[in-house]
C-alpha atoms as a PDB file:
ATOM      1  CA  MET A   1     149.162  84.561 -63.695  1.00  0.00           C
ATOM      2  CA  HIS A   2     151.408  83.653 -66.406  1.00  0.00           C
ATOM      3  CA  PRO A   3     154.363  82.028 -65.201  1.00  0.00           C
ATOM      4  CA  ASN A   4     156.636  84.358 -67.094  1.00  0.00           C
ATOM      5  CA  LEU A   5     155.222  87.171 -64.934  1.00  0.00           C
ATOM      6  CA  ALA A   6     155.343  85.342 -61.295  1.00  0.00           C
ATOM      7  CA  ARG A   7     158.998  84.679 -62.198  1.00  0.00           C
ATOM      8  CA  LEU A   8     159.193  88.212 -62.701  1.00  0.00           C
ATOM      9  CA  VAL A   9     158.012  88.807 -59.227  1.00  0.00           C
ATOM     10  CA  ASP A  10     160.016  86.571 -57.847  1.00  0.00           C
ATOM     11  CA  LEU A  11     163.287  87.740 -59.517  1.00  0.00           C
ATOM     12  CA  ALA A  12     161.948  91.703 -58.105  1.00  0.00           C
ATOM     13  CA  GLY A  13     161.848  90.472 -54.684  1.00  0.00           C
ATOM     14  CA  MET A  14     164.968  88.688 -54.922  1.00  0.00           C
ATOM     15  CA  ALA A  15     166.963  91.455 -56.451  1.00  0.00           C
ATOM     16  CA  ILE A  16     164.978  94.089 -53.369  1.00  0.00           C
ATOM     17  CA  GLU A  17     166.111  91.784 -50.916  1.00  0.00           C
ATOM     18  CA  SER A  18     169.698  90.887 -52.300  1.00  0.00           C
ATOM     19  CA  GLU A  19     170.081  95.346 -52.357  1.00  0.00           C
ATOM     20  CA  ASP A  20     168.286  95.386 -48.820  1.00  0.00           C
ATOM     21  CA  ARG A  21     171.160  92.956 -47.384  1.00  0.00           C
ATOM     22  CA  GLN A  22     173.860  95.144 -49.015  1.00  0.00           C
ATOM     23  CA  ILE A  23     172.805  98.223 -47.494  1.00  0.00           C
ATOM     24  CA  LEU A  24     172.267  96.816 -44.000  1.00  0.00           C
ATOM     25  CA  GLU A  25     175.347  95.492 -44.143  1.00  0.00           C
ATOM     26  CA  ALA A  26     177.305  98.708 -45.775  1.00  0.00           C
ATOM     27  CA  THR A  27     175.345 101.016 -42.473  1.00  0.00           C
ATOM     28  CA  ALA A  28     176.229  98.513 -40.169  1.00  0.00           C
ATOM     29  CA  ALA A  29     179.709  99.061 -41.003  1.00  0.00           C
ATOM     30  CA  ASN A  30     179.489 102.623 -41.260  1.00  0.00           C
ATOM     31  CA  PRO A  31     178.596 104.243 -37.775  1.00  0.00           C
ATOM     32  CA  THR A  32     178.120 107.913 -39.423  1.00  0.00           C
ATOM     33  CA  ALA A  33     175.301 106.200 -41.818  1.00  0.00           C
ATOM     34  CA  LYS A  34     173.918 103.930 -38.944  1.00  0.00           C
ATOM     35  CA  LEU A  35     173.634 106.993 -36.507  1.00  0.00           C
ATOM     36  CA  ARG A  36     171.738 109.311 -39.326  1.00  0.00           C
ATOM     37  CA  ARG A  37     168.375 106.688 -39.240  1.00  0.00           C
ATOM     38  CA  GLY A  38     168.357 102.984 -39.728  1.00  0.00           C
ATOM     39  CA  GLY A  39     166.737 100.589 -42.261  1.00  0.00           C
ATOM     40  CA  GLY A  40     167.566  98.241 -45.059  1.00  0.00           C
ATOM     41  CA  ILE A  41     165.966  99.085 -48.456  1.00  0.00           C
ATOM     42  CA  LEU A  42     163.374 101.271 -46.511  1.00  0.00           C
ATOM     43  CA  ARG A  43     166.046 103.941 -45.940  1.00  0.00           C
ATOM     44  CA  PHE A  44     165.484 105.060 -49.883  1.00  0.00           C
ATOM     45  CA  ASN A  45     161.710 104.602 -49.789  1.00  0.00           C
ATOM     46  CA  ASN A  46     161.802 105.736 -53.296  1.00  0.00           C
ATOM     47  CA  GLU A  47     160.000 104.086 -56.283  1.00  0.00           C
ATOM     48  CA  ARG A  48     162.498 105.552 -58.963  1.00  0.00           C
ATOM     49  CA  PHE A  49     165.143 103.236 -56.888  1.00  0.00           C
ATOM     50  CA  TYR A  50     162.927 100.114 -57.007  1.00  0.00           C
ATOM     51  CA  GLN A  51     162.094 100.756 -60.341  1.00  0.00           C
ATOM     52  CA  PHE A  52     165.870 100.520 -61.609  1.00  0.00           C
ATOM     53  CA  ILE A  53     166.586  97.449 -59.074  1.00  0.00           C
ATOM     54  CA  VAL A  54     164.099  95.353 -60.883  1.00  0.00           C
ATOM     55  CA  ALA A  55     164.767  96.440 -64.460  1.00  0.00           C
ATOM     56  CA  LYS A  56     168.454  95.042 -63.605  1.00  0.00           C
ATOM     57  CA  SER A  57     166.944  91.959 -61.914  1.00  0.00           C
ATOM     58  CA  LEU A  58     164.951  91.400 -65.065  1.00  0.00           C
ATOM     59  CA  LEU A  59     168.189  91.050 -67.483  1.00  0.00           C
ATOM     60  CA  SER A  60     168.349  87.814 -67.064  1.00  0.00           C
ATOM     61  CA  MET A  61     164.840  87.043 -68.323  1.00  0.00           C
ATOM     62  CA  PRO A  62     164.101  86.124 -72.769  1.00  0.00           C
ATOM     63  CA  TYR A  63     163.459  89.535 -73.163  1.00  0.00           C
ATOM     64  CA  LYS A  64     164.479  93.400 -73.895  1.00  0.00           C
ATOM     65  CA  VAL A  65     164.287  95.199 -70.744  1.00  0.00           C
ATOM     66  CA  ILE A  66     163.663  98.969 -71.653  1.00  0.00           C
ATOM     67  CA  VAL A  67     162.608 101.677 -68.983  1.00  0.00           C
ATOM     68  CA  GLU A  68     160.235 104.576 -69.613  1.00  0.00           C
ATOM     69  CA  VAL A  69     159.226 104.171 -72.663  1.00  0.00           C
ATOM     70  CA  ASP A  70     155.622 105.510 -73.797  1.00  0.00           C
ATOM     71  CA  PHE A  71     154.792 106.975 -70.064  1.00  0.00           C
ATOM     72  CA  HIS A  72     155.031 103.069 -68.646  1.00  0.00           C
ATOM     73  CA  ASP A  73     157.469 102.296 -66.013  1.00  0.00           C
ATOM     74  CA  LEU A  74     158.727  99.269 -67.427  1.00  0.00           C
ATOM     75  CA  VAL A  75     158.556  97.006 -70.914  1.00  0.00           C
ATOM     76  CA  LEU A  76     159.647  93.569 -71.856  1.00  0.00           C
ATOM     77  CA  GLU A  77     160.176  93.164 -75.594  1.00  0.00           C
ATOM     78  CA  GLU A  78     160.273  89.969 -77.477  1.00  0.00           C
ATOM     79  CA  PRO A  79     163.810  90.117 -78.927  1.00  0.00           C
ATOM     80  CA  ASP A  80     163.228  88.942 -82.354  1.00  0.00           C
ATOM     81  CA  THR A  81     159.789  90.249 -82.870  1.00  0.00           C
ATOM     82  CA  GLY A  82     159.695  93.828 -80.560  1.00  0.00           C
ATOM     83  CA  LYS A  83     156.156  92.759 -79.600  1.00  0.00           C
ATOM     84  CA  ARG A  84     155.490  93.488 -76.158  1.00  0.00           C
ATOM     85  CA  PHE A  85     155.653  90.537 -73.777  1.00  0.00           C
ATOM     86  CA  ALA A  86     154.565  92.949 -71.057  1.00  0.00           C
ATOM     87  CA  VAL A  87     153.660  96.449 -69.957  1.00  0.00           C
ATOM     88  CA  VAL A  88     155.093  97.118 -66.340  1.00  0.00           C
ATOM     89  CA  GLU A  89     153.372  99.996 -63.946  1.00  0.00           C
ATOM     90  CA  MET A  90     155.222 100.223 -60.485  1.00  0.00           C
ATOM     91  CA  LYS A  91     153.430 101.715 -57.525  1.00  0.00           C
ATOM     92  CA  ARG A  92     154.723 102.697 -53.499  1.00  0.00           C
ATOM     93  CA  TRP A  93     152.248 101.526 -51.392  1.00  0.00           C
ATOM     94  CA  MET A  94     153.776 102.751 -47.923  1.00  0.00           C
ATOM     95  CA  SER A  95     151.155 105.375 -46.318  1.00  0.00           C
ATOM     96  CA  ALA A  96     150.180 104.930 -42.721  1.00  0.00           C
ATOM     97  CA  SER A  97     146.249 104.060 -43.486  1.00  0.00           C
ATOM     98  CA  GLY A  98     147.135 103.058 -47.229  1.00  0.00           C
ATOM     99  CA  GLU A  99     144.523 105.510 -48.942  1.00  0.00           C
ATOM    100  CA  ARG A 100     146.709 108.047 -50.435  1.00  0.00           C
ATOM    101  CA  GLU A 101     147.969 106.169 -53.028  1.00  0.00           C
ATOM    102  CA  LEU A 102     145.168 104.589 -54.325  1.00  0.00           C
ATOM    103  CA  PRO A 103     143.982 107.158 -56.961  1.00  0.00           C
ATOM    104  CA  GLY A 104     147.175 106.809 -58.653  1.00  0.00           C
ATOM    105  CA  ILE A 105     147.175 102.994 -58.230  1.00  0.00           C
ATOM    106  CA  ARG A 106     143.732 102.708 -60.123  1.00  0.00           C
ATOM    107  CA  THR A 107     144.999 105.346 -62.819  1.00  0.00           C
ATOM    108  CA  ASP A 108     147.763 103.084 -63.380  1.00  0.00           C
ATOM    109  CA  MET A 109     145.703  99.740 -63.508  1.00  0.00           C
ATOM    110  CA  PHE A 110     142.762 101.159 -65.276  1.00  0.00           C
ATOM    111  CA  LYS A 111     143.535 103.616 -67.596  1.00  0.00           C
ATOM    112  CA  LYS A 112     147.550 103.280 -68.312  1.00  0.00           C
ATOM    113  CA  LEU A 113     147.419  99.442 -68.358  1.00  0.00           C
ATOM    114  CA  GLN A 114     144.167  98.734 -69.481  1.00  0.00           C
ATOM    115  CA  ASN A 115     144.775 100.930 -72.740  1.00  0.00           C
ATOM    116  CA  ALA A 116     148.696  99.881 -72.869  1.00  0.00           C
ATOM    117  CA  SER A 117     149.811  97.453 -75.787  1.00  0.00           C
ATOM    118  CA  ALA A 118     151.225  94.322 -74.304  1.00  0.00           C
ATOM    119  CA  THR A 119     150.504  90.601 -74.347  1.00  0.00           C
ATOM    120  CA  HIS A 120     150.487  91.097 -70.649  1.00  0.00           C
ATOM    121  CA  LYS A 121     150.034  93.840 -68.413  1.00  0.00           C
ATOM    122  CA  LEU A 122     151.465  94.333 -64.731  1.00  0.00           C
ATOM    123  CA  ILE A 123     151.003  96.266 -61.783  1.00  0.00           C
ATOM    124  CA  LEU A 124     154.036  96.145 -59.054  1.00  0.00           C
ATOM    125  CA  LEU A 125     153.081  97.189 -55.965  1.00  0.00           C
ATOM    126  CA  PHE A 126     156.118  98.188 -53.002  1.00  0.00           C
ATOM    127  CA  SER A 127     154.984  98.516 -49.374  1.00  0.00           C
ATOM    128  CA  ALA A 128     156.146  97.372 -45.693  1.00  0.00           C
ATOM    129  CA  ASN A 129     154.297  96.127 -42.873  1.00  0.00           C
ATOM    130  CA  PRO A 130     154.676  95.239 -39.637  1.00  0.00           C
ATOM    131  CA  PRO A 131     155.687  91.116 -40.020  1.00  0.00           C
ATOM    132  CA  GLY A 132     152.975  89.140 -40.567  1.00  0.00           C
ATOM    133  CA  GLN A 133     150.829  91.537 -42.203  1.00  0.00           C
ATOM    134  CA  MET A 134     151.364  90.900 -46.054  1.00  0.00           C
ATOM    135  CA  HIS A 135     148.265  88.967 -46.797  1.00  0.00           C
ATOM    136  CA  GLU A 136     146.022  90.966 -44.542  1.00  0.00           C
ATOM    137  CA  GLN A 137     146.989  93.801 -46.681  1.00  0.00           C
ATOM    138  CA  ILE A 138     146.669  92.839 -50.150  1.00  0.00           C
ATOM    139  CA  ASN A 139     142.957  91.849 -49.174  1.00  0.00           C
ATOM    140  CA  TRP A 140     142.413  95.189 -48.247  1.00  0.00           C
ATOM    141  CA  LEU A 141     143.494  96.540 -51.036  1.00  0.00           C
ATOM    142  CA  LEU A 142     142.058  94.189 -53.504  1.00  0.00           C
ATOM    143  CA  ALA A 143     138.465  94.931 -52.137  1.00  0.00           C
ATOM    144  CA  LYS A 144     139.123  98.817 -52.346  1.00  0.00           C
ATOM    145  CA  LEU A 145     140.191  98.206 -55.934  1.00  0.00           C
ATOM    146  CA  ASN A 146     137.475  95.475 -56.315  1.00  0.00           C
ATOM    147  CA  LEU A 147     139.811  93.204 -57.833  1.00  0.00           C
ATOM    148  CA  PRO A 148     140.135  88.921 -57.234  1.00  0.00           C
ATOM    149  CA  LEU A 149     143.046  87.645 -55.200  1.00  0.00           C
ATOM    150  CA  ASP A 150     144.017  84.722 -57.791  1.00  0.00           C
ATOM    151  CA  ARG A 151     145.798  86.894 -60.369  1.00  0.00           C
ATOM    152  CA  TRP A 152     148.432  88.182 -57.682  1.00  0.00           C
ATOM    153  CA  SER A 153     152.077  86.663 -57.075  1.00  0.00           C
ATOM    154  CA  SER A 154     153.735  88.190 -54.209  1.00  0.00           C
ATOM    155  CA  TYR A 155     157.465  88.431 -52.300  1.00  0.00           C
ATOM    156  CA  CYS A 156     158.213  89.026 -49.247  1.00  0.00           C
ATOM    157  CA  PHE A 157     161.297  89.375 -46.314  1.00  0.00           C
ATOM    158  CA  THR A 158     161.648  90.651 -43.425  1.00  0.00           C
ATOM    159  CA  THR A 159     163.920  93.731 -42.450  1.00  0.00           C
ATOM    160  CA  SER A 160     163.891  96.782 -40.541  1.00  0.00           C
ATOM    161  CA  ASP A 161     162.495 100.609 -40.859  1.00  0.00           C
ATOM    162  CA  GLN A 162     164.100 103.855 -40.468  1.00  0.00           C
ATOM    163  CA  ASN A 163     163.505 103.209 -36.650  1.00  0.00           C
ATOM    164  CA  ASN A 164     164.960  99.986 -37.033  1.00  0.00           C
ATOM    165  CA  ALA A 165     162.056  98.045 -35.896  1.00  0.00           C
ATOM    166  CA  ALA A 166     161.098  94.448 -37.451  1.00  0.00           C
ATOM    167  CA  VAL A 167     159.131  94.730 -40.734  1.00  0.00           C
ATOM    168  CA  GLU A 168     158.059  92.987 -43.816  1.00  0.00           C
ATOM    169  CA  PHE A 169     158.620  94.330 -47.231  1.00  0.00           C
ATOM    170  CA  TRP A 170     156.728  93.021 -50.190  1.00  0.00           C
ATOM    171  CA  ILE A 171     156.637  93.039 -53.785  1.00  0.00           C
ATOM    172  CA  ALA A 172     153.178  91.944 -55.273  1.00  0.00           C
ATOM    173  CA  GLY A 173     152.460  91.525 -58.570  1.00  0.00           C
ATOM    174  CA  PHE A 174     148.923  91.791 -60.204  1.00  0.00           C
ATOM    175  CA  GLU A 175     148.315  90.791 -63.888  1.00  0.00           C
ATOM    176  CA  PHE A 176     145.330  93.464 -65.215  1.00  0.00           C
ATOM    177  CA  MET A 177     143.282  91.463 -68.007  1.00  0.00           C
END
């Protein structure tokens, strides 16, 4: 994976984790919010919410960050030439069995990204599972998508779900060649 794409995954992960901490602090200080339901970032289990947090986090990279262009979730352009350094698709992978999202992930990877015009093509997946299971989950997904493990980069942190149970939330990026 290109070093700037691995950095992108780390920046995205750190931004999502920071947002998670802010949500946890805010709800801890607000009894009304705490009573309604728990959880940090999973309180807003919404791909668009994650998309904009990620886009904001990438403003420190040496690219022009564009959200929702040409049916892509995110595009990074070289500032001087306008050449696309990367096209990024984002997907939540949150169902209990993991099967429901597979058709959408396949479409993004094998249609949208395959046909994208960019130097690099990346899919970012957002997921959560019980602590210690991220690698097992990624391996399961790779087997289902028939993809190699060597083009992945990931970022993981511990948070709580809507029932206040401990979970690990992770972001994984796969460079599509």
